[in-house]
Amino acid sequence: MKKDKLFLLTSLLLMVTMTAFAQKEKKEIRAGNDRYEKGNYSDAETEYRKALEKNQSSYPGTYNLGGALYRQKKFDEAVQQYQQAIDKTTDPKEKASSYHNLGNSMVKAQKYAESIDAYKKALKLNPSDNDTRYNLAYAQAMLRKQQEQQQQDQQNQNQDQQNKDQKNQQNKDQQQKDQKNQDQKSQDQKNKEQQKDQQKKEAQQPKISKEDAERLLKALKNDEQNLQQKLSRKEGEKIRIEKDW
């Protein structure tokens, strides 16, 4: 990504500060710029804030403070300063520069859709700015990549949930199977106990020997034969008629 426009506009901002803007914050802004150029961004931030305490409407103080915050990777705070800088100037080029750096801060914060909007506004004010055009293309590419990643993350999340649901169902099926097996074991145990009870009862009943069984069977057979003989004799008897004469 192209570097932010604080470097490109530093000399211009110093000149603007000495001419068009109020003079009372000039010393602090100059001190802030000096520290910024030396890479002392925290000290630069302090000086720019001092300038804004003297003149809250200072465009250069606000704009450069955004740059100092950006260099310290305080991107959300930088966004706020650039948004304020836009409202503190009517100059199209200054607004375009503020929108450009606002877009850069949004990119660093991975707010690509917002950065695209900022770059487009910058190009509308300054159509010849190739740096902004380059950054716009970069932000658009990063937005597509972000959306693809979000879509992939959503698919992974859905797949994880599906796997979780499937595992829960498998666990539920296994529990039902285990319960069924347990019930079957309980029933089998019950049947065995009943069978044992039946065998125990049968074992307690009096038993007869084979010889006694044969004698009993023979006796029953003889009783049946005797009964049949008696019936036959009764059927063969004749009725006697006494003479009454």
Protein backbone atom coordinates (compact mmCIF):
# COMPACT_ATOMS: atom_id res chain seq x y z
CA MET A 1 0.00 0.00 0.00
CA LYS A 2 1.20 3.50 -0.74
CA LYS A 3 2.36 5.46 2.29
CA ASP A 4 -0.01 7.91 3.89
CA LYS A 5 -0.06 11.50 2.71
CA LEU A 6 1.35 13.12 5.80
CA PHE A 7 4.80 13.00 4.20
CA LEU A 8 3.57 14.42 0.92
CA LEU A 9 1.73 17.33 2.52
CA THR A 10 3.97 18.23 5.45
CA SER A 11 5.48 21.30 3.81
CA LEU A 12 2.12 22.42 2.54
CA LEU A 13 0.56 22.07 5.98
CA LEU A 14 3.36 24.10 7.53
CA MET A 15 2.78 26.87 5.04
CA VAL A 16 -0.95 26.76 5.61
CA THR A 17 -0.37 26.90 9.34
CA MET A 18 1.74 30.02 9.04
CA THR A 19 -0.69 31.83 6.77
CA ALA A 20 -4.35 30.91 6.75
CA PHE A 21 -4.80 29.36 10.23
CA ALA A 22 -4.62 30.99 13.64
CA GLN A 23 -1.06 31.58 14.79
CA LYS A 24 -1.37 30.52 18.44
CA GLU A 25 -0.95 26.76 17.78
CA LYS A 26 1.88 27.24 15.27
CA LYS A 27 4.71 26.54 17.73
CA GLU A 28 3.25 23.22 18.88
CA ILE A 29 2.47 22.05 15.35
CA ARG A 30 6.01 22.89 14.25
CA ALA A 31 7.41 20.98 17.25
CA GLY A 32 5.10 18.06 16.47
CA ASN A 33 6.22 17.96 12.85
CA ASP A 34 9.86 17.97 13.93
CA ARG A 35 9.33 15.01 16.26
CA TYR A 36 7.26 13.23 13.64
CA GLU A 37 10.03 13.50 11.05
CA LYS A 38 12.46 12.02 13.60
CA GLY A 39 10.11 9.08 14.20
CA ASN A 40 9.13 10.18 17.71
CA TYR A 41 5.43 9.66 17.06
CA SER A 42 4.37 9.61 20.70
CA ASP A 43 6.06 12.97 21.32
CA ALA A 44 4.57 14.30 18.10
CA GLU A 45 1.13 13.25 19.31
CA THR A 46 1.69 15.19 22.53
CA GLU A 47 2.62 18.38 20.64
CA TYR A 48 -0.34 18.12 18.26
CA ARG A 49 -2.70 17.71 21.20
CA LYS A 50 -1.21 20.83 22.78
CA ALA A 51 -1.90 22.69 19.55
CA LEU A 52 -5.52 21.51 19.59
CA GLU A 53 -5.91 22.66 23.20
CA LYS A 54 -5.11 26.17 21.96
CA ASN A 55 -7.20 25.91 18.80
CA GLN A 56 -9.70 23.07 18.55
CA SER A 57 -10.64 24.06 15.00
CA SER A 58 -7.06 23.61 13.72
CA TYR A 59 -7.09 21.49 10.58
CA PRO A 60 -3.29 20.87 10.52
CA GLY A 61 -3.28 19.93 14.22
CA THR A 62 -6.12 17.47 13.73
CA TYR A 63 -4.80 16.06 10.46
CA ASN A 64 -1.24 15.60 11.75
CA LEU A 65 -2.48 14.11 15.02
CA GLY A 66 -4.22 11.49 12.91
CA GLY A 67 -0.88 10.73 11.26
CA ALA A 68 0.94 10.40 14.61
CA LEU A 69 -1.74 8.03 15.88
CA TYR A 70 -1.62 6.04 12.64
CA ARG A 71 2.14 5.56 13.01
CA GLN A 72 1.58 4.24 16.53
CA LYS A 73 -0.95 1.75 15.13
CA LYS A 74 -3.79 3.46 16.99
CA PHE A 75 -5.96 3.10 13.93
CA ASP A 76 -9.37 3.63 15.51
CA GLU A 77 -8.19 6.90 17.08
CA ALA A 78 -6.62 7.93 13.78
CA VAL A 79 -9.97 7.35 12.06
CA GLN A 80 -11.64 9.75 14.48
CA GLN A 81 -9.05 12.47 13.82
CA TYR A 82 -9.28 12.21 10.04
CA GLN A 83 -13.07 12.31 10.21
CA GLN A 84 -12.80 15.51 12.26
CA ALA A 85 -10.20 16.93 9.86
CA ILE A 86 -12.63 16.52 6.96
CA ASP A 87 -15.11 18.74 8.77
CA LYS A 88 -12.47 21.36 9.62
CA THR A 89 -11.59 22.37 6.07
CA THR A 90 -13.37 23.46 2.92
CA ASP A 91 -10.36 23.01 0.66
CA PRO A 92 -11.03 20.10 -1.80
CA LYS A 93 -7.42 18.88 -1.78
CA GLU A 94 -7.23 18.92 2.00
CA LYS A 95 -10.51 17.04 2.20
CA ALA A 96 -9.22 14.56 -0.39
CA SER A 97 -6.04 14.02 1.65
CA SER A 98 -8.07 13.48 4.79
CA TYR A 99 -10.31 10.95 3.04
CA HIS A 100 -7.20 9.21 1.66
CA ASN A 101 -5.66 8.80 5.11
CA LEU A 102 -9.04 7.91 6.56
CA GLY A 103 -9.14 5.09 4.01
CA ASN A 104 -5.63 3.98 5.02
CA SER A 105 -6.64 3.85 8.68
CA MET A 106 -9.74 1.85 7.80
CA VAL A 107 -7.65 -0.63 5.83
CA LYS A 108 -5.31 -1.12 8.79
CA ALA A 109 -8.36 -1.72 10.98
CA GLN A 110 -9.54 -4.28 8.36
CA LYS A 111 -12.67 -2.23 7.70
CA TYR A 112 -12.34 -2.62 3.96
CA ALA A 113 -15.86 -1.60 2.95
CA GLU A 114 -15.48 1.68 4.85
CA SER A 115 -12.02 2.28 3.39
CA ILE A 116 -13.39 1.84 -0.14
CA ASP A 117 -16.01 4.48 0.54
CA ALA A 118 -13.33 6.89 1.84
CA TYR A 119 -11.07 6.34 -1.17
CA LYS A 120 -13.95 6.93 -3.58
CA LYS A 121 -14.75 10.22 -1.87
CA ALA A 122 -11.08 11.21 -2.08
CA LEU A 123 -11.00 10.44 -5.82
CA LYS A 124 -14.18 12.41 -6.37
CA LEU A 125 -12.44 15.44 -4.90
CA ASN A 126 -9.08 14.70 -6.55
CA PRO A 127 -9.54 12.39 -9.57
CA SER A 128 -5.88 12.57 -10.60
CA ASP A 129 -4.55 11.03 -7.38
CA ASN A 130 -3.01 7.72 -8.46
CA ASP A 131 -2.01 6.82 -4.91
CA THR A 132 -5.63 6.85 -3.85
CA ARG A 133 -6.64 4.89 -6.95
CA TYR A 134 -4.03 2.24 -6.14
CA ASN A 135 -5.17 2.00 -2.53
CA LEU A 136 -8.79 1.72 -3.66
CA ALA A 137 -7.93 -1.30 -5.82
CA TYR A 138 -6.02 -2.83 -2.92
CA ALA A 139 -8.94 -2.33 -0.52
CA GLN A 140 -11.37 -3.86 -3.01
CA ALA A 141 -9.14 -6.93 -3.36
CA MET A 142 -8.84 -7.24 0.42
CA LEU A 143 -12.61 -6.92 0.80
CA ARG A 144 -13.15 -9.81 -1.62
CA LYS A 145 -10.60 -11.88 0.26
CA GLN A 146 -12.24 -11.01 3.57
CA GLN A 147 -15.67 -11.97 2.27
CA GLU A 148 -14.34 -15.26 0.92
CA GLN A 149 -12.70 -15.98 4.27
CA GLN A 150 -15.89 -15.14 6.12
CA GLN A 151 -17.82 -17.44 3.79
CA GLN A 152 -15.28 -20.21 4.36
CA ASP A 153 -15.44 -19.64 8.11
CA GLN A 154 -19.23 -19.88 7.96
CA GLN A 155 -19.04 -23.10 5.98
CA ASN A 156 -16.55 -24.51 8.48
CA GLN A 157 -18.81 -23.47 11.32
CA ASN A 158 -21.79 -25.12 9.65
CA GLN A 159 -19.75 -28.27 9.04
CA ASP A 160 -18.60 -28.30 12.66
CA GLN A 161 -22.19 -27.95 13.81
CA GLN A 162 -23.28 -30.72 11.44
CA ASN A 163 -20.53 -32.98 12.74
CA LYS A 164 -21.53 -32.13 16.30
CA ASP A 165 -25.18 -32.92 15.58
CA GLN A 166 -24.20 -36.17 13.88
CA LYS A 167 -22.02 -37.17 16.81
CA ASN A 168 -24.82 -36.35 19.24
CA GLN A 169 -27.21 -38.50 17.20
CA GLN A 170 -24.70 -41.35 17.14
CA ASN A 171 -24.33 -41.07 20.90
CA LYS A 172 -28.10 -41.09 21.27
CA ASP A 173 -28.41 -44.15 19.02
CA GLN A 174 -25.67 -45.91 20.97
CA GLN A 175 -27.39 -45.10 24.25
CA GLN A 176 -30.65 -46.53 22.91
CA LYS A 177 -28.81 -49.62 21.70
CA ASP A 178 -27.07 -50.03 25.04
CA GLN A 179 -30.40 -49.64 26.84
CA LYS A 180 -32.00 -52.23 24.56
CA ASN A 181 -29.15 -54.63 25.22
CA GLN A 182 -29.45 -54.00 28.93
CA ASP A 183 -33.19 -54.66 28.81
CA GLN A 184 -32.58 -57.87 26.86
CA LYS A 185 -29.99 -59.00 29.41
CA SER A 186 -32.43 -58.25 32.20
CA GLN A 187 -35.13 -60.27 30.45
CA ASP A 188 -32.74 -63.15 29.81
CA GLN A 189 -31.73 -63.11 33.46
CA LYS A 190 -35.35 -63.10 34.48
CA ASN A 191 -36.09 -66.06 32.19
CA LYS A 192 -33.14 -67.96 33.63
CA GLU A 193 -34.33 -67.30 37.15
CA GLN A 194 -37.84 -68.47 36.24
CA GLN A 195 -36.41 -71.59 34.63
CA LYS A 196 -34.35 -72.28 37.73
CA ASP A 197 -37.44 -71.84 39.90
CA GLN A 198 -39.37 -74.29 37.71
CA GLN A 199 -36.57 -76.81 37.85
CA LYS A 200 -36.40 -76.39 41.60
CA LYS A 201 -40.13 -77.02 41.93
CA GLU A 202 -39.91 -80.10 39.73
CA ALA A 203 -37.00 -81.35 41.79
CA GLN A 204 -39.05 -81.00 44.97
CA GLN A 205 -41.93 -83.16 43.60
CA PRO A 206 -41.90 -86.87 44.72
CA LYS A 207 -40.35 -89.23 42.20
CA ILE A 208 -41.17 -92.92 41.53
CA SER A 209 -38.80 -95.54 40.27
CA LYS A 210 -39.09 -97.17 36.89
CA GLU A 211 -40.35 -100.39 38.45
CA ASP A 212 -43.04 -98.58 40.42
CA ALA A 213 -44.12 -96.79 37.28
CA GLU A 214 -44.40 -100.09 35.39
CA ARG A 215 -46.41 -101.70 38.20
CA LEU A 216 -48.73 -98.67 38.33
CA LEU A 217 -49.22 -98.81 34.60
CA LYS A 218 -49.91 -102.57 34.76
CA ALA A 219 -52.40 -102.09 37.55
CA LEU A 220 -54.23 -99.42 35.60
CA LYS A 221 -54.31 -101.73 32.60
CA ASN A 222 -55.74 -104.61 34.69
CA ASP A 223 -58.37 -102.35 36.19
CA GLU A 224 -59.41 -101.30 32.70
CA GLN A 225 -59.67 -104.95 31.56
CA ASN A 226 -61.77 -105.91 34.62
CA LEU A 227 -64.08 -102.99 33.93
CA GLN A 228 -64.54 -104.05 30.32
CA GLN A 229 -65.35 -107.64 31.41
CA LYS A 230 -67.99 -106.49 33.86
CA LEU A 231 -69.59 -104.37 31.20
CA SER A 232 -69.65 -107.29 28.79
CA ARG A 233 -71.35 -109.57 31.27
CA LYS A 234 -74.05 -107.10 32.03
CA GLU A 235 -74.76 -106.60 28.35
CA GLY A 236 -75.15 -110.45 27.83
CA GLU A 237 -77.59 -111.19 30.68
CA LYS A 238 -81.18 -112.17 29.75
CA ILE A 239 -84.32 -110.96 31.44
CA ARG A 240 -86.24 -113.70 33.23
CA ILE A 241 -90.09 -113.62 33.02
CA GLU A 242 -91.86 -115.27 35.85
CA LYS A 243 -94.93 -117.39 35.06
CA ASP A 244 -98.06 -116.09 36.56
CA TRP A 245 -100.05 -119.04 35.60
